[in-house]
Each structure stands twice: as C-alpha cells, then as structure tokens.
C-alpha atoms as a PDB file:
ATOM      1  CA  VAL A   1      34.830 116.771  -6.646  1.00  0.00           C
ATOM      2  CA  SER A   2      32.760 115.727  -3.678  1.00  0.00           C
ATOM      3  CA  VAL A   3      33.459 116.281  -0.009  1.00  0.00           C
ATOM      4  CA  SER A   4      33.061 113.387   2.389  1.00  0.00           C
ATOM      5  CA  SER A   5      34.291 113.292   5.984  1.00  0.00           C
ATOM      6  CA  GLY A   6      35.984 116.670   5.521  1.00  0.00           C
ATOM      7  CA  ARG A   7      38.277 115.632   2.662  1.00  0.00           C
ATOM      8  CA  ALA A   8      37.900 116.041  -1.111  1.00  0.00           C
ATOM      9  CA  GLU A   9      37.365 112.958  -3.261  1.00  0.00           C
ATOM     10  CA  SER A  10      37.562 113.015  -7.064  1.00  0.00           C
ATOM     11  CA  ALA A  11      34.666 111.493  -8.972  1.00  0.00           C
ATOM     12  CA  ALA A  12      35.766 109.098 -11.708  1.00  0.00           C
ATOM     13  CA  ARG A  13      35.092 110.305 -15.248  1.00  0.00           C
ATOM     14  CA  PRO A  14      33.285 107.664 -17.326  1.00  0.00           C
ATOM     15  CA  ALA A  15      34.946 106.211 -20.414  1.00  0.00           C
ATOM     16  CA  LEU A  16      34.055 108.023 -23.644  1.00  0.00           C
ATOM     17  CA  SER A  17      32.232 104.925 -24.886  1.00  0.00           C
ATOM     18  CA  ASP A  18      29.946 105.121 -21.823  1.00  0.00           C
ATOM     19  CA  LEU A  19      28.844 108.703 -22.419  1.00  0.00           C
ATOM     20  CA  LEU A  20      25.342 109.353 -23.708  1.00  0.00           C
ATOM     21  CA  GLN A  21      26.447 111.346 -26.737  1.00  0.00           C
ATOM     22  CA  LEU A  22      29.753 111.365 -28.529  1.00  0.00           C
ATOM     23  CA  SER A  23      30.123 113.141 -31.842  1.00  0.00           C
ATOM     24  CA  THR A  24      33.171 113.848 -33.952  1.00  0.00           C
ATOM     25  CA  THR A  25      33.862 115.820 -37.078  1.00  0.00           C
ATOM     26  CA  GLY A  26      36.885 116.869 -39.052  1.00  0.00           C
ATOM     27  CA  THR A  27      38.003 119.075 -41.879  1.00  0.00           C
ATOM     28  CA  SER A  28      41.070 119.471 -44.065  1.00  0.00           C
ATOM     29  CA  SER A  29      42.595 121.793 -46.574  1.00  0.00           C
ATOM     30  CA  ALA A  30      45.912 121.842 -48.390  1.00  0.00           C
ATOM     31  CA  HIS A  31      47.476 123.422 -45.295  1.00  0.00           C
ATOM     32  CA  VAL A  32      45.499 122.239 -42.244  1.00  0.00           C
ATOM     33  CA  HIS A  33      43.957 119.039 -40.916  1.00  0.00           C
ATOM     34  CA  ALA A  34      41.704 119.499 -37.886  1.00  0.00           C
ATOM     35  CA  GLY A  35      39.194 117.511 -35.907  1.00  0.00           C
ATOM     36  CA  LEU A  36      36.984 117.883 -32.906  1.00  0.00           C
ATOM     37  CA  CYS A  37      35.073 115.722 -30.507  1.00  0.00           C
ATOM     38  CA  THR A  38      32.261 116.661 -28.175  1.00  0.00           C
ATOM     39  CA  ALA A  39      30.692 114.479 -25.524  1.00  0.00           C
ATOM     40  CA  TYR A  40      28.406 114.824 -22.570  1.00  0.00           C
ATOM     41  CA  GLY A  41      27.104 112.554 -19.893  1.00  0.00           C
ATOM     42  CA  PRO A  42      23.842 112.608 -17.972  1.00  0.00           C
ATOM     43  CA  ARG A  43      22.615 116.052 -19.111  1.00  0.00           C
ATOM     44  CA  ILE A  44      19.444 116.227 -21.182  1.00  0.00           C
ATOM     45  CA  SER A  45      21.249 117.733 -24.175  1.00  0.00           C
ATOM     46  CA  ASN A  46      24.591 119.090 -25.299  1.00  0.00           C
ATOM     47  CA  GLN A  47      24.414 122.885 -25.226  1.00  0.00           C
ATOM     48  CA  ASP A  48      27.741 123.411 -26.991  1.00  0.00           C
ATOM     49  CA  SER A  49      28.467 123.864 -30.681  1.00  0.00           C
ATOM     50  CA  SER A  50      31.581 124.478 -32.739  1.00  0.00           C
ATOM     51  CA  ILE A  51      33.038 125.924 -35.903  1.00  0.00           C
ATOM     52  CA  CYS A  52      35.627 123.800 -37.694  1.00  0.00           C
ATOM     53  CA  SER A  53      36.669 125.201 -41.066  1.00  0.00           C
ATOM     54  CA  ALA A  54      40.159 124.435 -42.373  1.00  0.00           C
ATOM     55  CA  ASP A  55      39.572 126.366 -45.595  1.00  0.00           C
ATOM     56  CA  TRP A  56      37.833 129.547 -44.503  1.00  0.00           C
ATOM     57  CA  SER A  57      37.833 132.043 -47.354  1.00  0.00           C
ATOM     58  CA  GLY A  58      36.330 134.864 -45.306  1.00  0.00           C
ATOM     59  CA  ALA A  59      39.679 136.392 -44.449  1.00  0.00           C
ATOM     60  CA  SER A  60      40.385 137.799 -47.920  1.00  0.00           C
ATOM     61  CA  SER A  61      40.929 136.528 -51.421  1.00  0.00           C
ATOM     62  CA  GLY A  62      44.261 134.795 -51.762  1.00  0.00           C
ATOM     63  CA  CYS A  63      44.692 134.448 -48.004  1.00  0.00           C
ATOM     64  CA  VAL A  64      45.003 131.002 -46.425  1.00  0.00           C
ATOM     65  CA  ALA A  65      43.015 130.853 -43.207  1.00  0.00           C
ATOM     66  CA  GLY A  66      41.165 128.467 -40.945  1.00  0.00           C
ATOM     67  CA  LEU A  67      38.392 129.302 -38.514  1.00  0.00           C
ATOM     68  CA  PHE A  68      37.973 127.207 -35.376  1.00  0.00           C
ATOM     69  CA  ALA A  69      35.785 128.037 -32.392  1.00  0.00           C
ATOM     70  CA  VAL A  70      34.097 126.372 -29.449  1.00  0.00           C
ATOM     71  CA  CYS A  71      30.734 127.918 -28.626  1.00  0.00           C
ATOM     72  CA  ASP A  72      30.035 127.001 -25.016  1.00  0.00           C
ATOM     73  CA  GLY A  73      26.349 126.927 -24.141  1.00  0.00           C
ATOM     74  CA  HIS A  74      26.465 127.982 -20.508  1.00  0.00           C
ATOM     75  CA  GLY A  75      22.873 127.688 -19.338  1.00  0.00           C
ATOM     76  CA  GLY A  76      21.313 127.046 -22.718  1.00  0.00           C
ATOM     77  CA  ALA A  77      21.933 126.412 -26.385  1.00  0.00           C
ATOM     78  CA  THR A  78      20.349 129.570 -27.838  1.00  0.00           C
ATOM     79  CA  ILE A  79      23.549 131.572 -28.364  1.00  0.00           C
ATOM     80  CA  SER A  80      25.862 128.634 -29.010  1.00  0.00           C
ATOM     81  CA  GLU A  81      23.581 127.435 -31.825  1.00  0.00           C
ATOM     82  CA  ALA A  82      23.124 130.916 -33.333  1.00  0.00           C
ATOM     83  CA  LEU A  83      26.849 131.716 -33.400  1.00  0.00           C
ATOM     84  CA  PRO A  84      28.259 129.236 -35.988  1.00  0.00           C
ATOM     85  CA  PRO A  85      26.417 130.717 -39.002  1.00  0.00           C
ATOM     86  CA  LEU A  86      26.935 134.323 -37.813  1.00  0.00           C
ATOM     87  CA  LEU A  87      30.571 134.392 -36.674  1.00  0.00           C
ATOM     88  CA  PRO A  88      32.257 133.654 -40.039  1.00  0.00           C
ATOM     89  CA  LYS A  89      30.200 136.358 -41.808  1.00  0.00           C
ATOM     90  CA  THR A  90      30.752 138.899 -39.026  1.00  0.00           C
ATOM     91  CA  LEU A  91      34.518 138.276 -38.968  1.00  0.00           C
ATOM     92  CA  ALA A  92      34.761 138.491 -42.767  1.00  0.00           C
ATOM     93  CA  THR A  93      32.890 141.820 -42.729  1.00  0.00           C
ATOM     94  CA  ALA A  94      35.096 143.184 -39.932  1.00  0.00           C
ATOM     95  CA  MET A  95      38.290 142.041 -41.629  1.00  0.00           C
ATOM     96  CA  GLY A  96      37.149 143.583 -44.926  1.00  0.00           C
ATOM     97  CA  ALA A  97      36.569 146.891 -43.151  1.00  0.00           C
ATOM     98  CA  ILE A  98      40.083 146.748 -41.652  1.00  0.00           C
ATOM     99  CA  GLY A  99      41.623 146.016 -45.066  1.00  0.00           C
ATOM    100  CA  ASP A 100      39.875 148.937 -46.778  1.00  0.00           C
END
C-alpha cells in the first residue's frame, strides 16, 4: 500500500506468470494429496522453504501422518533452509519420547 495525497492506494499484484520465480511441488499418499506453490517478485532470491510430506512415517509405526510446514525466511534463508531436514527428525524424536 502506498500513500499519495493523504489517501491509501493499493499496488496491483503482478500475475503469477510475470513473477521472477514460480515453483510448485506436490506429494500424495493413500490418504492425502497435497501441493504447494511459492513465488516471489523483484527480490534477489526466495528466502522461504517448505516441508511437504503426505506419507511421513516419523510419527510412529502403523500411524498415518503427513507433515507440512512453511519455513518463512524473514531476513535471510539460513534458518528456513536448515529447518526442512531437521524438523521431521526432531518431531519424530519428541513424539517417540512422549509415547515411551
């Protein structure tokens, strides 16, 4: 939103096809079908990452679970890029400790 002559004006969002980067991915299991899309405009890079797992076996054996997360890279990609490989393992460990 920009302010001009004392009143707010909304900036038009570009069409997805006009964005610099558009990426999609998807996953499915017997129980879940999921997809995600990420896009960004004039920034140098996309600082966000995601976890999209429809068949996450970290919960416990015999349990049907999916794991989905958006890792928002506010101010940099360091944490958002480190989180996807760590979060599933950390959650599985924590859930195993709860079940014991």
